[in-house]
Protein backbone atom coordinates (compact mmCIF):
# COMPACT_ATOMS: atom_id res chain seq x y z
CA UNK A 1 -91.95 -59.66 -132.20
CA UNK A 2 -89.62 -60.17 -135.14
CA UNK A 3 -85.96 -59.19 -134.96
CA UNK A 4 -86.41 -56.64 -137.76
CA UNK A 5 -89.30 -54.99 -135.87
CA UNK A 6 -87.14 -54.72 -132.75
CA UNK A 7 -84.34 -53.10 -134.76
CA UNK A 8 -86.76 -50.55 -136.23
CA UNK A 9 -88.15 -49.71 -132.78
CA UNK A 10 -84.64 -49.33 -131.32
CA UNK A 11 -83.59 -47.17 -134.27
CA UNK A 12 -86.66 -44.94 -133.84
CA UNK A 13 -86.08 -44.59 -130.09
CA UNK A 14 -82.42 -43.59 -130.59
CA UNK A 15 -83.37 -41.17 -133.37
CA UNK A 16 -86.06 -39.57 -131.23
CA UNK A 17 -83.71 -39.28 -128.23
CA UNK A 18 -81.01 -37.71 -130.43
CA UNK A 19 -83.43 -35.15 -131.85
CA UNK A 20 -84.87 -34.38 -128.43
CA UNK A 21 -81.51 -33.71 -126.80
CA UNK A 22 -79.93 -31.92 -129.76
CA UNK A 23 -82.90 -29.54 -130.12
CA UNK A 24 -82.96 -28.87 -126.39
CA UNK A 25 -79.30 -27.91 -126.17
CA UNK A 26 -79.52 -25.71 -129.28
CA UNK A 27 -82.50 -23.79 -127.91
CA UNK A 28 -80.77 -23.30 -124.56
CA UNK A 29 -77.67 -21.88 -126.25
CA UNK A 30 -79.78 -19.71 -128.54
CA UNK A 31 -81.93 -18.37 -125.68
CA UNK A 32 -78.88 -17.19 -123.71
CA UNK A 33 -77.08 -15.40 -126.55
CA UNK A 34 -76.96 -11.57 -126.34
CA UNK A 35 -79.88 -11.33 -123.90
CA UNK A 36 -78.78 -8.08 -122.32
CA UNK A 37 -80.18 -4.68 -121.44
CA UNK A 38 -78.22 -1.51 -120.72
CA UNK A 39 -79.82 1.03 -118.38
CA UNK A 40 -77.42 3.97 -118.44
CA UNK A 41 -74.09 2.28 -117.66
CA UNK A 42 -75.57 -0.72 -115.80
CA UNK A 43 -75.99 -4.00 -117.66
CA UNK A 44 -78.66 -6.59 -116.90
CA UNK A 45 -78.69 -10.15 -118.28
CA UNK A 46 -82.21 -11.09 -119.39
CA UNK A 47 -83.42 -14.67 -119.07
CA UNK A 48 -87.17 -15.06 -119.58
CA UNK A 49 -90.02 -13.71 -121.70
CA UNK A 50 -93.79 -14.16 -121.81
CA UNK A 51 -96.40 -12.83 -124.22
CA UNK A 52 -99.82 -11.84 -122.90
CA UNK A 53 -102.01 -12.19 -126.00
CA UNK A 54 -104.87 -9.68 -126.09
CA UNK A 55 -108.12 -9.91 -128.04
CA UNK A 56 -107.94 -8.94 -131.70
CA UNK A 57 -108.64 -5.30 -132.41
CA UNK A 58 -110.24 -4.06 -135.62
CA UNK A 59 -106.90 -3.55 -137.36
CA UNK A 60 -104.21 -5.19 -135.22
CA UNK A 61 -103.01 -8.21 -133.32
CA UNK A 62 -101.90 -7.06 -129.90
CA UNK A 63 -99.87 -8.52 -127.06
CA UNK A 64 -98.00 -7.37 -123.99
CA UNK A 65 -94.39 -8.49 -124.21
CA UNK A 66 -92.68 -9.06 -120.84
CA UNK A 67 -88.94 -9.67 -120.38
CA UNK A 68 -87.08 -10.12 -117.08
CA UNK A 69 -83.99 -11.54 -115.42
CA UNK A 70 -86.20 -13.38 -112.92
CA UNK A 71 -89.46 -15.33 -113.11
CA UNK A 72 -93.12 -14.51 -113.74
CA UNK A 73 -96.20 -15.22 -111.64
CA UNK A 74 -99.93 -14.71 -112.13
CA UNK A 75 -101.85 -12.76 -109.50
CA UNK A 76 -105.18 -11.03 -109.00
CA UNK A 77 -105.43 -7.30 -108.29
CA UNK A 78 -108.23 -4.77 -107.90
CA UNK A 79 -108.25 -1.97 -110.48
CA UNK A 80 -111.04 0.63 -110.29
CA UNK A 81 -113.08 -1.71 -108.09
CA UNK A 82 -112.81 -4.71 -110.46
CA UNK A 83 -110.70 -7.85 -110.07
CA UNK A 84 -108.15 -8.50 -112.84
CA UNK A 85 -105.58 -11.25 -113.40
CA UNK A 86 -102.14 -9.86 -114.24
CA UNK A 87 -98.60 -11.16 -114.73
CA UNK A 88 -95.77 -9.79 -112.59
CA UNK A 89 -92.02 -10.36 -112.33
CA UNK A 90 -90.50 -11.85 -109.17
CA UNK A 91 -86.97 -12.67 -108.00
CA UNK A 92 -85.88 -10.05 -110.53
CA UNK A 93 -83.79 -6.91 -110.69
CA UNK A 94 -85.30 -5.74 -114.01
CA UNK A 95 -88.59 -6.14 -115.90
CA UNK A 96 -89.51 -4.61 -119.26
CA UNK A 97 -93.09 -4.67 -120.55
CA UNK A 98 -94.77 -3.02 -123.53
CA UNK A 99 -98.06 -3.38 -125.43
CA UNK A 100 -97.21 -4.17 -129.06
CA UNK A 101 -99.53 -3.87 -132.10
CA UNK A 102 -98.96 -5.64 -135.41
CA UNK A 103 -101.12 -5.17 -138.57
CA UNK A 104 -103.65 -7.92 -139.28
CA UNK A 105 -104.88 -10.76 -137.13
CA UNK A 106 -102.05 -13.31 -137.40
CA UNK A 107 -100.25 -12.40 -134.19
CA UNK A 108 -97.10 -10.33 -133.79
CA UNK A 109 -94.92 -10.29 -136.92
CA UNK A 110 -91.49 -9.17 -138.13
CA UNK A 111 -91.28 -5.41 -138.17
CA UNK A 112 -89.98 -2.19 -136.70
CA UNK A 113 -92.37 -1.13 -133.93
CA UNK A 114 -92.34 2.61 -133.19
CA UNK A 115 -93.50 4.22 -129.94
CA UNK A 116 -96.94 5.89 -129.89
CA UNK A 117 -98.37 7.91 -126.95
CA UNK A 118 -100.57 6.15 -124.37
CA UNK A 119 -103.76 7.78 -125.69
CA UNK A 120 -103.25 6.43 -129.26
CA UNK A 121 -106.37 4.62 -130.47
CA UNK A 122 -105.16 1.29 -131.84
CA UNK A 123 -108.42 0.99 -133.83
CA UNK A 124 -107.77 4.20 -135.78
CA UNK A 125 -108.04 3.15 -139.47
CA UNK A 126 -105.06 5.36 -140.39
CA UNK A 127 -102.85 3.07 -138.26
CA UNK A 128 -104.05 -0.17 -139.91
CA UNK A 129 -100.68 -0.88 -141.57
CA UNK A 130 -98.56 0.46 -138.71
CA UNK A 131 -96.34 -1.50 -136.31
CA UNK A 132 -96.27 0.30 -132.98
CA UNK A 133 -96.07 -0.07 -129.20
CA UNK A 134 -97.42 1.95 -126.30
CA UNK A 135 -97.98 1.84 -122.53
CA UNK A 136 -94.56 0.47 -121.72
CA UNK A 137 -92.57 0.61 -118.51
CA UNK A 138 -89.33 -0.68 -117.12
CA UNK A 139 -89.13 -1.74 -113.49
CA UNK A 140 -85.65 -1.65 -112.00
CA UNK A 141 -84.51 -2.43 -108.48
CA UNK A 142 -82.81 0.97 -108.11
CA UNK A 143 -82.46 0.79 -104.33
CA UNK A 144 -81.11 -2.80 -104.41
CA UNK A 145 -83.61 -4.10 -101.87
CA UNK A 146 -84.39 -7.20 -103.98
CA UNK A 147 -87.94 -6.09 -104.80
CA UNK A 148 -89.17 -4.37 -107.94
CA UNK A 149 -92.38 -3.14 -106.35
CA UNK A 150 -91.05 -1.63 -103.13
CA UNK A 151 -90.74 1.94 -104.41
CA UNK A 152 -92.84 3.75 -107.04
CA UNK A 153 -89.83 5.41 -108.64
CA UNK A 154 -88.62 1.96 -109.73
CA UNK A 155 -91.34 1.85 -112.44
CA UNK A 156 -90.17 4.16 -115.22
CA UNK A 157 -92.39 5.04 -118.21
CA UNK A 158 -91.21 4.53 -121.76
CA UNK A 159 -91.79 7.75 -123.74
CA UNK A 160 -90.09 7.01 -127.05
CA UNK A 161 -88.01 4.64 -129.11
CA UNK A 162 -88.20 1.58 -131.32
CA UNK A 163 -88.39 -2.20 -131.01
CA UNK A 164 -87.27 -4.35 -133.91
CA UNK A 165 -88.91 -7.78 -133.90
CA UNK A 166 -88.04 -10.92 -135.84
CA UNK A 167 -90.09 -14.09 -135.48
CA UNK A 168 -87.85 -17.17 -135.55
CA UNK A 169 -90.17 -20.19 -135.43
CA UNK A 170 -91.39 -20.38 -131.83
CA UNK A 171 -88.82 -17.81 -130.69
CA UNK A 172 -88.79 -14.03 -130.94
CA UNK A 173 -85.76 -11.82 -131.42
CA UNK A 174 -86.25 -8.29 -130.06
CA UNK A 175 -83.80 -5.43 -130.35
CA UNK A 176 -84.82 -2.27 -128.50
CA UNK A 177 -83.71 1.33 -128.11
CA UNK A 178 -86.02 3.08 -125.67
CA UNK A 179 -86.26 6.55 -124.14
CA UNK A 180 -87.48 6.77 -120.53
CA UNK A 181 -89.19 9.66 -118.78
CA UNK A 182 -86.22 10.01 -116.41
CA UNK A 183 -83.98 11.01 -119.39
CA UNK A 184 -82.13 7.68 -119.45
CA UNK A 185 -82.04 5.50 -122.56
CA UNK A 186 -82.32 1.72 -122.48
CA UNK A 187 -80.85 -0.47 -125.20
CA UNK A 188 -80.65 -4.21 -125.54
CA UNK A 189 -81.83 -7.38 -127.15
CA UNK A 190 -83.55 -10.62 -126.22
CA UNK A 191 -83.91 -13.84 -128.17
CA UNK A 192 -85.87 -16.77 -126.85
CA UNK A 193 -89.15 -18.56 -126.46
CA UNK A 194 -92.09 -16.44 -125.32
CA UNK A 195 -94.70 -18.52 -123.55
CA UNK A 196 -98.12 -17.23 -124.73
CA UNK A 197 -100.51 -16.69 -121.82
């Protein structure tokens, strides 16, 4: 191998290593910035998000957005006699999840998503240009036993509010102001990478 070829290879390796490490540290800083949720007067620091991508509807792209301060796992449950794979939060004190609908078929997009009731038909042609979300809940470890699923009152339905979404490359920025059925409001934001599952 010629000396000039070796120099080019070394230069490329150093350049690649520099880009790899500089991008990694930037995304880690970015993912931790302002990732907080306020439930009443209690603050939670959010750390992870996943996006469950659903099949395309007639008028919308749809996904379930999940955000937690713990981790996620995939498990199988029986619903109405049928087996279904679902994602759940673990090692967490809070978990927010909502079904979001964005016009068109290009995935979730920048927009202000407004709450719609659970029985809203996402295929209704009058909603074709509407950004909305429905069927959301927040799970909170209210009794501090370290488990989100130990008590039914820890899953609280979302009954109103808005979610502002901005797509930033592979990351999402979400800012939310949500009304819960226990008369407590939840506000917060999360910016980071959402693994699509």
